[in-house]
Amino acid sequence: MAAAGPSVFLLMVNGQVESAQFPEYDDLYCKYCFVYGQDWAPTAGLEEGISQITSKSQDARRALVWNFPIDVTFKSTNPYGWPQIVLSVYGPDVFGNDVVRGYGAVHVPFSPGRHKKTIPMFVPESVSKLQKFTSWFMGRRPEYTDPKVVAQGEGREVTRVRSQGFVTLLFNVVTKDMRKLGYDTGPPDTQGVSGPSTPQGLSR
């Protein structure tokens, strides 16, 4: 009797929230969390984390370096709802209150291998100058109640935002049994090497 084939595939992600560029700010920390579809479930590792506070490097880059590790494994029956990582960067304002300095999100790379991604960050803006002054004076900047909304898109079009800073992520991606379930993850001899291939049925 032939053995039954796999009913799920695995997506293993490790790497790190490497560094950030926020020229106007210092002493920042970063939170991350994963957002994924209903058919996905984490099986190992951490879905969310919070880094240490870091100051700008003294070299020419003036980068904020965290090198904060990411390590998580998911299982799923289909690629719909492919995981995204949502980043939230925080730091002190002039009153010493922690306020958001940037939000950003990116899909976990679809192809196996090592990937480096630079994520443009943004912050919500007050609608009026009065609200802007009031939020500054009260130490309460506009921010999302749930950062996961950044990955979902619903209602985002009514939010005024402005670009602010960049965060660099390093991903090492490994998939298991996707090919056995009929999804193309690239030629067999390039497994584990970064490439442009995308699982069938997915758009970048």
N, C-alpha and C. Protein backbone atom coordinates (compact mmCIF):
# COMPACT_ATOMS: atom_id res chain seq x y z
N MET A 1 0.85 -1.20 0.00
CA MET A 1 0.00 0.00 0.00
C MET A 1 0.88 1.24 0.00
N ALA A 2 0.62 2.14 -0.94
CA ALA A 2 1.44 3.35 -1.06
C ALA A 2 1.19 4.29 0.10
N ALA A 3 2.25 4.91 0.57
CA ALA A 3 2.11 5.86 1.67
C ALA A 3 1.41 7.12 1.17
N ALA A 4 0.58 7.68 2.04
CA ALA A 4 -0.14 8.89 1.68
C ALA A 4 0.84 10.06 1.58
N GLY A 5 0.60 10.95 0.63
CA GLY A 5 1.45 12.12 0.46
C GLY A 5 1.18 13.15 1.55
N PRO A 6 2.01 14.19 1.61
CA PRO A 6 1.82 15.22 2.63
C PRO A 6 0.53 16.01 2.40
N SER A 7 -0.11 16.41 3.47
CA SER A 7 -1.33 17.22 3.37
C SER A 7 -1.06 18.69 3.66
N VAL A 8 0.12 18.98 4.20
CA VAL A 8 0.50 20.37 4.49
C VAL A 8 1.94 20.60 4.03
N PHE A 9 2.29 21.86 3.86
CA PHE A 9 3.69 22.20 3.63
C PHE A 9 4.17 23.09 4.76
N LEU A 10 5.47 23.20 4.89
CA LEU A 10 6.07 24.01 5.95
C LEU A 10 6.82 25.18 5.34
N LEU A 11 6.78 26.30 6.05
CA LEU A 11 7.56 27.48 5.71
C LEU A 11 8.39 27.84 6.93
N MET A 12 9.71 27.73 6.81
CA MET A 12 10.61 28.03 7.92
C MET A 12 11.34 29.34 7.63
N VAL A 13 11.24 30.28 8.57
CA VAL A 13 11.80 31.61 8.38
C VAL A 13 12.71 31.94 9.56
N ASN A 14 13.96 32.26 9.27
CA ASN A 14 14.79 32.85 10.32
C ASN A 14 15.59 33.99 9.70
N GLY A 15 16.21 34.75 10.54
CA GLY A 15 16.94 35.92 10.08
C GLY A 15 16.99 36.96 11.17
N GLN A 16 16.91 38.22 10.79
CA GLN A 16 16.96 39.26 11.81
C GLN A 16 16.44 40.60 11.29
N VAL A 17 15.91 41.37 12.26
CA VAL A 17 15.64 42.78 12.01
C VAL A 17 17.00 43.45 12.16
N GLU A 18 17.61 43.77 11.04
CA GLU A 18 19.03 44.11 11.04
C GLU A 18 19.32 45.53 11.53
N SER A 19 18.76 46.52 10.83
CA SER A 19 19.11 47.91 11.15
C SER A 19 18.04 48.86 10.63
N ALA A 20 18.19 50.14 10.92
CA ALA A 20 17.23 51.14 10.48
C ALA A 20 17.94 52.45 10.21
N GLN A 21 17.29 53.26 9.39
CA GLN A 21 17.74 54.62 9.12
C GLN A 21 16.59 55.57 9.47
N PHE A 22 16.76 56.32 10.55
CA PHE A 22 15.82 57.36 10.94
C PHE A 22 16.64 58.60 11.30
N PRO A 23 17.00 59.40 10.29
CA PRO A 23 17.95 60.50 10.52
C PRO A 23 17.55 61.46 11.64
N GLU A 24 16.25 61.63 11.85
CA GLU A 24 15.79 62.62 12.83
C GLU A 24 15.75 62.08 14.26
N TYR A 25 15.87 60.76 14.43
CA TYR A 25 15.61 60.17 15.75
C TYR A 25 16.72 59.24 16.20
N ASP A 26 16.76 59.00 17.51
CA ASP A 26 17.76 58.12 18.10
C ASP A 26 17.10 57.35 19.23
N ASP A 27 17.83 56.38 19.77
CA ASP A 27 17.35 55.57 20.91
C ASP A 27 15.99 54.92 20.59
N LEU A 28 15.97 54.14 19.54
CA LEU A 28 14.73 53.51 19.08
C LEU A 28 14.75 52.00 19.33
N TYR A 29 13.55 51.42 19.43
CA TYR A 29 13.41 49.97 19.48
C TYR A 29 12.33 49.55 18.49
N CYS A 30 12.31 48.27 18.16
CA CYS A 30 11.42 47.76 17.12
C CYS A 30 10.60 46.58 17.63
N LYS A 31 9.33 46.58 17.31
CA LYS A 31 8.46 45.42 17.55
C LYS A 31 8.13 44.78 16.20
N TYR A 32 8.01 43.46 16.20
CA TYR A 32 7.53 42.80 14.98
C TYR A 32 6.45 41.80 15.34
N CYS A 33 5.57 41.53 14.37
CA CYS A 33 4.58 40.46 14.50
C CYS A 33 4.27 39.95 13.10
N PHE A 34 3.79 38.72 13.01
CA PHE A 34 3.43 38.13 11.72
C PHE A 34 1.92 38.15 11.55
N VAL A 35 1.49 38.41 10.32
CA VAL A 35 0.08 38.37 9.95
C VAL A 35 -0.05 37.34 8.84
N TYR A 36 -1.05 36.44 8.94
CA TYR A 36 -1.17 35.35 7.96
C TYR A 36 -2.62 34.93 7.83
N GLY A 37 -2.90 34.14 6.79
CA GLY A 37 -4.26 33.72 6.48
C GLY A 37 -4.79 32.64 7.41
N GLN A 38 -6.07 32.34 7.24
CA GLN A 38 -6.76 31.40 8.14
C GLN A 38 -6.23 29.97 8.04
N ASP A 39 -5.68 29.60 6.89
CA ASP A 39 -5.19 28.24 6.72
C ASP A 39 -3.78 28.04 7.26
N TRP A 40 -3.19 29.11 7.78
CA TRP A 40 -1.82 29.04 8.29
C TRP A 40 -1.82 28.89 9.80
N ALA A 41 -0.80 28.19 10.31
CA ALA A 41 -0.65 28.05 11.76
C ALA A 41 0.82 27.97 12.11
N PRO A 42 1.26 28.69 13.13
CA PRO A 42 2.65 28.58 13.57
C PRO A 42 2.86 27.26 14.30
N THR A 43 4.00 26.61 14.04
CA THR A 43 4.29 25.34 14.70
C THR A 43 5.53 25.41 15.58
N ALA A 44 6.35 26.43 15.40
CA ALA A 44 7.56 26.58 16.22
C ALA A 44 8.03 28.03 16.15
N GLY A 45 8.80 28.41 17.14
CA GLY A 45 9.36 29.76 17.14
C GLY A 45 8.40 30.80 17.69
N LEU A 46 8.70 32.06 17.43
CA LEU A 46 7.93 33.17 17.98
C LEU A 46 7.28 33.97 16.87
N GLU A 47 5.99 34.28 17.07
CA GLU A 47 5.25 35.10 16.10
C GLU A 47 5.51 36.58 16.27
N GLU A 48 6.00 36.99 17.41
CA GLU A 48 6.21 38.41 17.66
C GLU A 48 7.40 38.59 18.60
N GLY A 49 7.93 39.79 18.60
CA GLY A 49 9.07 40.07 19.47
C GLY A 49 9.30 41.56 19.58
N ILE A 50 10.13 41.94 20.54
CA ILE A 50 10.47 43.34 20.75
C ILE A 50 11.97 43.43 21.00
N SER A 51 12.62 44.33 20.29
CA SER A 51 14.08 44.42 20.34
C SER A 51 14.54 45.26 21.52
N GLN A 52 15.84 45.31 21.67
CA GLN A 52 16.46 46.23 22.62
C GLN A 52 16.42 47.65 22.05
N ILE A 53 16.65 48.64 22.90
CA ILE A 53 16.81 50.03 22.44
C ILE A 53 18.22 50.19 21.92
N THR A 54 18.36 50.84 20.79
CA THR A 54 19.69 51.06 20.23
C THR A 54 19.89 52.52 19.83
N SER A 55 21.14 52.94 19.86
CA SER A 55 21.52 54.30 19.45
C SER A 55 22.23 54.25 18.11
N LYS A 56 22.33 55.38 17.45
CA LYS A 56 22.96 55.43 16.14
C LYS A 56 24.43 55.05 16.23
N SER A 57 24.89 54.33 15.19
CA SER A 57 26.30 53.96 15.12
C SER A 57 27.15 55.21 14.89
N GLN A 58 28.41 55.09 15.25
CA GLN A 58 29.31 56.24 15.14
C GLN A 58 30.02 56.32 13.79
N ASP A 59 29.73 55.36 12.89
CA ASP A 59 30.36 55.41 11.58
C ASP A 59 29.58 56.34 10.64
N ALA A 60 29.98 56.35 9.39
CA ALA A 60 29.38 57.28 8.43
C ALA A 60 27.90 56.99 8.17
N ARG A 61 27.49 55.72 8.35
CA ARG A 61 26.09 55.36 8.07
C ARG A 61 25.12 55.97 9.07
N ARG A 62 25.56 56.14 10.30
CA ARG A 62 24.68 56.62 11.39
C ARG A 62 23.43 55.74 11.50
N ALA A 63 23.62 54.43 11.34
CA ALA A 63 22.50 53.50 11.36
C ALA A 63 22.15 53.10 12.78
N LEU A 64 20.91 52.71 12.97
CA LEU A 64 20.45 52.10 14.21
C LEU A 64 20.53 50.59 14.01
N VAL A 65 21.42 49.92 14.73
CA VAL A 65 21.66 48.49 14.50
C VAL A 65 21.05 47.68 15.64
N TRP A 66 20.11 46.78 15.27
CA TRP A 66 19.50 45.90 16.26
C TRP A 66 20.02 44.47 16.15
N ASN A 67 20.10 43.94 14.93
CA ASN A 67 20.43 42.52 14.72
C ASN A 67 19.56 41.63 15.61
N PHE A 68 18.27 41.93 15.61
CA PHE A 68 17.32 41.23 16.48
C PHE A 68 16.79 39.99 15.75
N PRO A 69 16.94 38.79 16.35
CA PRO A 69 16.63 37.55 15.62
C PRO A 69 15.14 37.32 15.37
N ILE A 70 14.87 36.71 14.22
CA ILE A 70 13.54 36.21 13.85
C ILE A 70 13.68 34.71 13.62
N ASP A 71 12.75 33.93 14.16
CA ASP A 71 12.81 32.48 13.96
C ASP A 71 11.41 31.91 14.17
N VAL A 72 10.76 31.47 13.09
CA VAL A 72 9.40 30.96 13.19
C VAL A 72 9.16 29.95 12.07
N THR A 73 8.30 28.97 12.33
CA THR A 73 7.91 27.98 11.34
C THR A 73 6.39 27.94 11.25
N PHE A 74 5.87 27.95 10.02
CA PHE A 74 4.43 27.86 9.79
C PHE A 74 4.11 26.61 9.00
N LYS A 75 2.87 26.13 9.16
CA LYS A 75 2.36 25.08 8.27
C LYS A 75 1.07 25.59 7.64
N SER A 76 0.80 25.09 6.42
CA SER A 76 -0.41 25.50 5.72
C SER A 76 -0.76 24.46 4.67
N THR A 77 -2.01 24.53 4.19
CA THR A 77 -2.46 23.63 3.12
C THR A 77 -2.43 24.32 1.76
N ASN A 78 -2.36 25.66 1.75
CA ASN A 78 -2.26 26.39 0.48
C ASN A 78 -1.60 27.74 0.73
N PRO A 79 -1.06 28.37 -0.32
CA PRO A 79 -0.29 29.60 -0.12
C PRO A 79 -1.13 30.86 0.08
N TYR A 80 -2.46 30.76 -0.05
CA TYR A 80 -3.28 31.96 0.15
C TYR A 80 -3.10 32.46 1.59
N GLY A 81 -2.89 33.75 1.75
CA GLY A 81 -2.63 34.31 3.08
C GLY A 81 -1.18 34.18 3.51
N TRP A 82 -0.27 34.10 2.52
CA TRP A 82 1.17 33.98 2.79
C TRP A 82 1.59 35.00 3.84
N PRO A 83 2.38 34.60 4.84
CA PRO A 83 2.70 35.49 5.98
C PRO A 83 3.38 36.79 5.59
N GLN A 84 3.01 37.83 6.31
CA GLN A 84 3.69 39.12 6.25
C GLN A 84 4.26 39.42 7.63
N ILE A 85 5.34 40.17 7.65
CA ILE A 85 5.88 40.65 8.92
C ILE A 85 5.58 42.14 9.01
N VAL A 86 5.04 42.54 10.15
CA VAL A 86 4.69 43.94 10.41
C VAL A 86 5.68 44.49 11.43
N LEU A 87 6.24 45.65 11.12
CA LEU A 87 7.23 46.30 11.99
C LEU A 87 6.65 47.59 12.55
N SER A 88 6.94 47.84 13.82
CA SER A 88 6.58 49.10 14.47
C SER A 88 7.81 49.59 15.22
N VAL A 89 8.24 50.80 14.93
CA VAL A 89 9.43 51.38 15.56
C VAL A 89 9.00 52.48 16.52
N TYR A 90 9.55 52.45 17.74
CA TYR A 90 9.17 53.42 18.77
C TYR A 90 10.41 54.10 19.35
N GLY A 91 10.19 55.30 19.86
CA GLY A 91 11.25 56.03 20.52
C GLY A 91 10.69 57.16 21.35
N PRO A 92 11.53 57.81 22.16
CA PRO A 92 11.05 58.86 23.06
C PRO A 92 10.81 60.17 22.31
N ASP A 93 9.77 60.91 22.77
CA ASP A 93 9.59 62.27 22.26
C ASP A 93 10.28 63.25 23.23
N VAL A 94 10.05 64.54 23.05
CA VAL A 94 10.75 65.54 23.87
C VAL A 94 10.35 65.46 25.33
N PHE A 95 9.19 64.83 25.61
CA PHE A 95 8.72 64.70 26.99
C PHE A 95 9.11 63.35 27.60
N GLY A 96 9.80 62.51 26.82
CA GLY A 96 10.20 61.21 27.33
C GLY A 96 9.17 60.12 27.14
N ASN A 97 8.06 60.42 26.46
CA ASN A 97 7.04 59.41 26.19
C ASN A 97 7.43 58.59 24.97
N ASP A 98 7.17 57.28 25.01
CA ASP A 98 7.40 56.44 23.84
C ASP A 98 6.32 56.69 22.80
N VAL A 99 6.71 57.09 21.61
CA VAL A 99 5.76 57.33 20.52
C VAL A 99 6.22 56.56 19.29
N VAL A 100 5.28 56.27 18.40
CA VAL A 100 5.61 55.51 17.20
C VAL A 100 6.41 56.39 16.23
N ARG A 101 7.47 55.82 15.68
CA ARG A 101 8.29 56.53 14.71
C ARG A 101 8.18 55.93 13.32
N GLY A 102 7.51 54.79 13.21
CA GLY A 102 7.33 54.22 11.88
C GLY A 102 6.63 52.87 11.90
N TYR A 103 5.80 52.64 10.88
CA TYR A 103 5.18 51.34 10.63
C TYR A 103 5.61 50.86 9.25
N GLY A 104 5.67 49.56 9.08
CA GLY A 104 5.96 49.00 7.77
C GLY A 104 5.62 47.52 7.74
N ALA A 105 5.46 46.97 6.55
CA ALA A 105 5.14 45.55 6.41
C ALA A 105 5.68 45.02 5.09
N VAL A 106 6.01 43.73 5.08
CA VAL A 106 6.47 43.08 3.85
C VAL A 106 6.14 41.59 3.94
N HIS A 107 5.82 40.98 2.79
CA HIS A 107 5.63 39.54 2.76
C HIS A 107 6.95 38.81 2.99
N VAL A 108 6.88 37.69 3.67
CA VAL A 108 8.04 36.80 3.71
C VAL A 108 8.34 36.41 2.26
N PRO A 109 9.60 36.45 1.84
CA PRO A 109 9.92 36.10 0.44
C PRO A 109 9.35 34.74 0.06
N PHE A 110 8.86 34.65 -1.19
CA PHE A 110 8.21 33.42 -1.65
C PHE A 110 9.22 32.32 -2.00
N SER A 111 10.39 32.71 -2.47
CA SER A 111 11.36 31.70 -2.91
C SER A 111 12.36 31.39 -1.81
N PRO A 112 12.77 30.12 -1.71
CA PRO A 112 13.75 29.75 -0.69
C PRO A 112 15.07 30.48 -0.89
N GLY A 113 15.81 30.62 0.19
CA GLY A 113 17.12 31.24 0.11
C GLY A 113 17.28 32.41 1.06
N ARG A 114 18.33 33.17 0.83
CA ARG A 114 18.68 34.31 1.67
C ARG A 114 18.23 35.59 0.96
N HIS A 115 17.51 36.42 1.66
CA HIS A 115 16.95 37.63 1.09
C HIS A 115 17.18 38.81 2.03
N LYS A 116 17.51 39.96 1.43
CA LYS A 116 17.64 41.19 2.20
C LYS A 116 16.59 42.18 1.70
N LYS A 117 15.79 42.71 2.59
CA LYS A 117 14.71 43.62 2.21
C LYS A 117 14.84 44.92 3.00
N THR A 118 14.66 46.04 2.30
CA THR A 118 14.61 47.34 2.96
C THR A 118 13.18 47.86 2.89
N ILE A 119 12.59 48.08 4.06
CA ILE A 119 11.17 48.40 4.16
C ILE A 119 11.00 49.89 4.40
N PRO A 120 10.30 50.62 3.50
CA PRO A 120 9.99 52.02 3.79
C PRO A 120 8.96 52.11 4.91
N MET A 121 9.19 52.97 5.86
CA MET A 121 8.31 53.12 7.01
C MET A 121 7.46 54.39 6.88
N PHE A 122 6.35 54.42 7.59
CA PHE A 122 5.48 55.59 7.56
C PHE A 122 4.83 55.78 8.92
N VAL A 123 4.32 56.98 9.16
CA VAL A 123 3.59 57.27 10.39
C VAL A 123 2.26 57.93 10.04
N PRO A 124 1.20 57.66 10.83
CA PRO A 124 -0.07 58.37 10.63
C PRO A 124 0.10 59.85 10.96
N GLU A 125 -0.66 60.68 10.27
CA GLU A 125 -0.61 62.12 10.47
C GLU A 125 -1.92 62.63 11.05
N SER A 126 -1.86 63.65 11.89
CA SER A 126 -3.06 64.34 12.34
C SER A 126 -3.70 65.04 11.16
N VAL A 127 -5.04 65.12 11.17
CA VAL A 127 -5.77 65.69 10.04
C VAL A 127 -5.58 67.20 9.96
N SER A 128 -5.59 67.88 11.11
CA SER A 128 -5.51 69.34 11.13
C SER A 128 -4.29 69.81 11.92
N LYS A 129 -3.92 71.07 11.74
CA LYS A 129 -2.81 71.64 12.48
C LYS A 129 -3.12 71.69 13.97
N LEU A 130 -4.39 71.93 14.31
CA LEU A 130 -4.78 71.96 15.72
C LEU A 130 -4.59 70.59 16.35
N GLN A 131 -5.05 69.54 15.66
CA GLN A 131 -4.86 68.18 16.18
C GLN A 131 -3.38 67.83 16.29
N LYS A 132 -2.60 68.31 15.32
CA LYS A 132 -1.17 68.04 15.34
C LYS A 132 -0.51 68.68 16.56
N PHE A 133 -0.88 69.93 16.83
CA PHE A 133 -0.32 70.63 17.99
C PHE A 133 -0.79 69.98 19.29
N THR A 134 -2.09 69.65 19.35
CA THR A 134 -2.64 69.02 20.57
C THR A 134 -1.97 67.69 20.85
N SER A 135 -1.78 66.87 19.80
CA SER A 135 -1.15 65.56 20.01
C SER A 135 0.30 65.72 20.44
N TRP A 136 1.00 66.73 19.89
CA TRP A 136 2.38 66.99 20.30
C TRP A 136 2.42 67.45 21.75
N PHE A 137 1.52 68.37 22.11
CA PHE A 137 1.51 68.94 23.46
C PHE A 137 1.15 67.89 24.51
N MET A 138 0.20 67.01 24.17
CA MET A 138 -0.25 65.97 25.11
C MET A 138 0.66 64.74 25.08
N GLY A 139 1.59 64.71 24.15
CA GLY A 139 2.47 63.53 24.04
C GLY A 139 1.76 62.31 23.53
N ARG A 140 0.69 62.51 22.74
CA ARG A 140 -0.08 61.40 22.18
C ARG A 140 -0.13 61.53 20.68
N ARG A 141 0.83 60.95 20.01
CA ARG A 141 0.87 60.99 18.55
C ARG A 141 -0.16 59.99 17.99
N PRO A 142 -0.67 60.26 16.78
CA PRO A 142 -1.58 59.29 16.15
C PRO A 142 -0.87 57.96 15.95
N GLU A 143 -1.52 56.87 16.31
CA GLU A 143 -0.97 55.54 16.07
C GLU A 143 -2.10 54.55 15.96
N TYR A 144 -1.80 53.38 15.40
CA TYR A 144 -2.82 52.35 15.22
C TYR A 144 -3.00 51.58 16.53
N THR A 145 -4.26 51.31 16.87
CA THR A 145 -4.55 50.49 18.05
C THR A 145 -3.97 49.10 17.87
N ASP A 146 -4.10 48.55 16.66
CA ASP A 146 -3.55 47.24 16.34
C ASP A 146 -2.63 47.39 15.12
N PRO A 147 -1.31 47.26 15.30
CA PRO A 147 -0.38 47.44 14.17
C PRO A 147 -0.64 46.49 13.01
N LYS A 148 -1.36 45.38 13.24
CA LYS A 148 -1.60 44.42 12.17
C LYS A 148 -2.43 45.01 11.04
N VAL A 149 -3.13 46.11 11.30
CA VAL A 149 -3.92 46.77 10.26
C VAL A 149 -3.01 47.22 9.11
N VAL A 150 -1.73 47.42 9.40
CA VAL A 150 -0.77 47.84 8.38
C VAL A 150 -0.68 46.80 7.26
N ALA A 151 -0.84 45.53 7.59
CA ALA A 151 -0.72 44.45 6.59
C ALA A 151 -2.04 44.16 5.90
N GLN A 152 -3.14 44.63 6.45
CA GLN A 152 -4.44 44.24 5.93
C GLN A 152 -4.99 45.20 4.88
N GLY A 153 -4.63 46.47 4.98
CA GLY A 153 -5.05 47.40 3.93
C GLY A 153 -6.44 47.98 4.11
N GLU A 154 -7.35 47.28 4.79
CA GLU A 154 -8.71 47.77 4.93
C GLU A 154 -8.74 49.04 5.78
N GLY A 155 -9.32 50.10 5.23
CA GLY A 155 -9.41 51.36 5.94
C GLY A 155 -8.17 52.21 5.86
N ARG A 156 -7.11 51.66 5.26
CA ARG A 156 -5.85 52.41 5.17
C ARG A 156 -6.00 53.64 4.28
N GLU A 157 -6.92 53.54 3.27
CA GLU A 157 -7.02 54.64 2.31
C GLU A 157 -7.57 55.92 2.94
N VAL A 158 -8.19 55.82 4.13
CA VAL A 158 -8.72 57.01 4.78
C VAL A 158 -7.76 57.55 5.84
N THR A 159 -6.61 56.94 5.95
CA THR A 159 -5.62 57.38 6.93
C THR A 159 -4.56 58.24 6.24
N ARG A 160 -4.33 59.43 6.77
CA ARG A 160 -3.27 60.28 6.23
C ARG A 160 -1.94 59.85 6.86
N VAL A 161 -0.95 59.59 6.01
CA VAL A 161 0.35 59.13 6.51
C VAL A 161 1.46 59.89 5.80
N ARG A 162 2.65 59.82 6.36
CA ARG A 162 3.83 60.35 5.67
C ARG A 162 4.99 59.37 5.85
N SER A 163 5.86 59.34 4.85
CA SER A 163 7.02 58.44 4.89
C SER A 163 8.02 58.91 5.93
N GLN A 164 8.64 57.94 6.58
CA GLN A 164 9.61 58.29 7.62
C GLN A 164 10.52 57.12 7.92
N GLY A 165 11.72 57.11 7.36
CA GLY A 165 12.71 56.11 7.71
C GLY A 165 12.60 54.81 6.94
N PHE A 166 13.60 53.95 7.17
CA PHE A 166 13.68 52.63 6.53
C PHE A 166 14.19 51.63 7.55
N VAL A 167 13.72 50.37 7.42
CA VAL A 167 14.23 49.27 8.24
C VAL A 167 14.70 48.16 7.29
N THR A 168 15.86 47.58 7.58
CA THR A 168 16.42 46.50 6.77
C THR A 168 16.25 45.17 7.49
N LEU A 169 15.69 44.19 6.76
CA LEU A 169 15.46 42.84 7.29
C LEU A 169 16.29 41.84 6.51
N LEU A 170 16.75 40.82 7.21
CA LEU A 170 17.44 39.71 6.57
C LEU A 170 16.61 38.45 6.80
N PHE A 171 16.24 37.76 5.70
CA PHE A 171 15.45 36.53 5.77
C PHE A 171 16.25 35.35 5.25
N ASN A 172 16.15 34.21 5.93
CA ASN A 172 16.56 32.91 5.40
C ASN A 172 15.30 32.06 5.34
N VAL A 173 14.91 31.68 4.13
CA VAL A 173 13.62 31.01 3.92
C VAL A 173 13.86 29.58 3.44
N VAL A 174 13.18 28.62 4.06
CA VAL A 174 13.21 27.22 3.64
C VAL A 174 11.77 26.73 3.57
N THR A 175 11.42 26.04 2.48
CA THR A 175 10.09 25.43 2.39
C THR A 175 10.24 23.91 2.33
N LYS A 176 9.20 23.22 2.77
CA LYS A 176 9.22 21.75 2.77
C LYS A 176 7.87 21.24 2.26
N ASP A 177 7.93 20.36 1.29
CA ASP A 177 6.76 19.67 0.72
C ASP A 177 5.87 20.57 -0.15
N MET A 178 6.29 21.77 -0.49
CA MET A 178 5.48 22.59 -1.40
C MET A 178 5.41 21.96 -2.78
N ARG A 179 6.56 21.45 -3.26
CA ARG A 179 6.58 20.83 -4.59
C ARG A 179 5.69 19.59 -4.63
N LYS A 180 5.68 18.82 -3.55
CA LYS A 180 4.85 17.61 -3.50
C LYS A 180 3.36 17.93 -3.54
N LEU A 181 3.02 19.16 -3.13
CA LEU A 181 1.62 19.59 -3.17
C LEU A 181 1.30 20.35 -4.46
N GLY A 182 2.28 20.41 -5.37
CA GLY A 182 2.01 21.00 -6.67
C GLY A 182 2.37 22.46 -6.83
N TYR A 183 3.11 23.02 -5.88
CA TYR A 183 3.49 24.42 -5.98
C TYR A 183 4.94 24.53 -6.44
N ASP A 184 5.17 25.39 -7.42
CA ASP A 184 6.50 25.55 -8.00
C ASP A 184 7.31 26.54 -7.18
N THR A 185 8.38 26.07 -6.57
CA THR A 185 9.24 26.97 -5.78
C THR A 185 10.59 27.16 -6.43
N GLY A 186 10.67 26.84 -7.73
CA GLY A 186 11.94 27.01 -8.45
C GLY A 186 12.53 25.66 -8.81
N PRO A 187 13.52 25.65 -9.73
CA PRO A 187 14.16 24.39 -10.12
C PRO A 187 14.77 23.69 -8.92
N PRO A 188 14.77 22.35 -8.89
CA PRO A 188 15.31 21.60 -7.75
C PRO A 188 16.74 21.96 -7.40
N ASP A 189 17.56 22.33 -8.42
CA ASP A 189 18.96 22.60 -8.11
C ASP A 189 19.19 24.00 -7.56
N THR A 190 18.10 24.79 -7.44
CA THR A 190 18.27 26.13 -6.86
C THR A 190 17.57 26.26 -5.52
N GLN A 191 17.12 25.13 -4.98
CA GLN A 191 16.49 25.21 -3.66
C GLN A 191 17.50 25.77 -2.65
N GLY A 192 17.05 26.75 -1.88
CA GLY A 192 17.94 27.36 -0.90
C GLY A 192 18.73 28.53 -1.45
N VAL A 193 18.50 28.87 -2.75
CA VAL A 193 19.17 30.01 -3.35
C VAL A 193 18.14 31.06 -3.72
N SER A 194 18.41 32.31 -3.38
CA SER A 194 17.47 33.38 -3.67
C SER A 194 17.20 33.47 -5.16
N GLY A 195 15.92 33.57 -5.53
CA GLY A 195 15.56 33.68 -6.93
C GLY A 195 14.20 34.32 -7.08
N PRO A 196 13.78 34.57 -8.33
CA PRO A 196 12.53 35.29 -8.57
C PRO A 196 11.30 34.42 -8.60
N SER A 197 11.45 33.10 -8.45
CA SER A 197 10.32 32.19 -8.62
C SER A 197 9.26 32.45 -7.58
N THR A 198 8.00 32.25 -7.97
CA THR A 198 6.86 32.46 -7.09
C THR A 198 5.96 31.24 -7.13
N PRO A 199 5.43 30.78 -5.99
CA PRO A 199 4.49 29.65 -6.02
C PRO A 199 3.32 29.96 -6.94
N GLN A 200 2.85 28.95 -7.68
CA GLN A 200 1.75 29.14 -8.61
C GLN A 200 0.53 29.69 -7.88
N GLY A 201 -0.14 30.63 -8.54
CA GLY A 201 -1.34 31.19 -7.93
C GLY A 201 -1.07 32.38 -7.04
N LEU A 202 0.21 32.76 -6.91
CA LEU A 202 0.55 33.89 -6.06
C LEU A 202 1.02 35.04 -6.92
N SER A 203 0.67 36.24 -6.52
CA SER A 203 1.25 37.43 -7.14
C SER A 203 2.11 38.13 -6.12
N ARG A 204 3.16 38.74 -6.57
CA ARG A 204 4.07 39.42 -5.65
C ARG A 204 3.43 40.71 -5.15
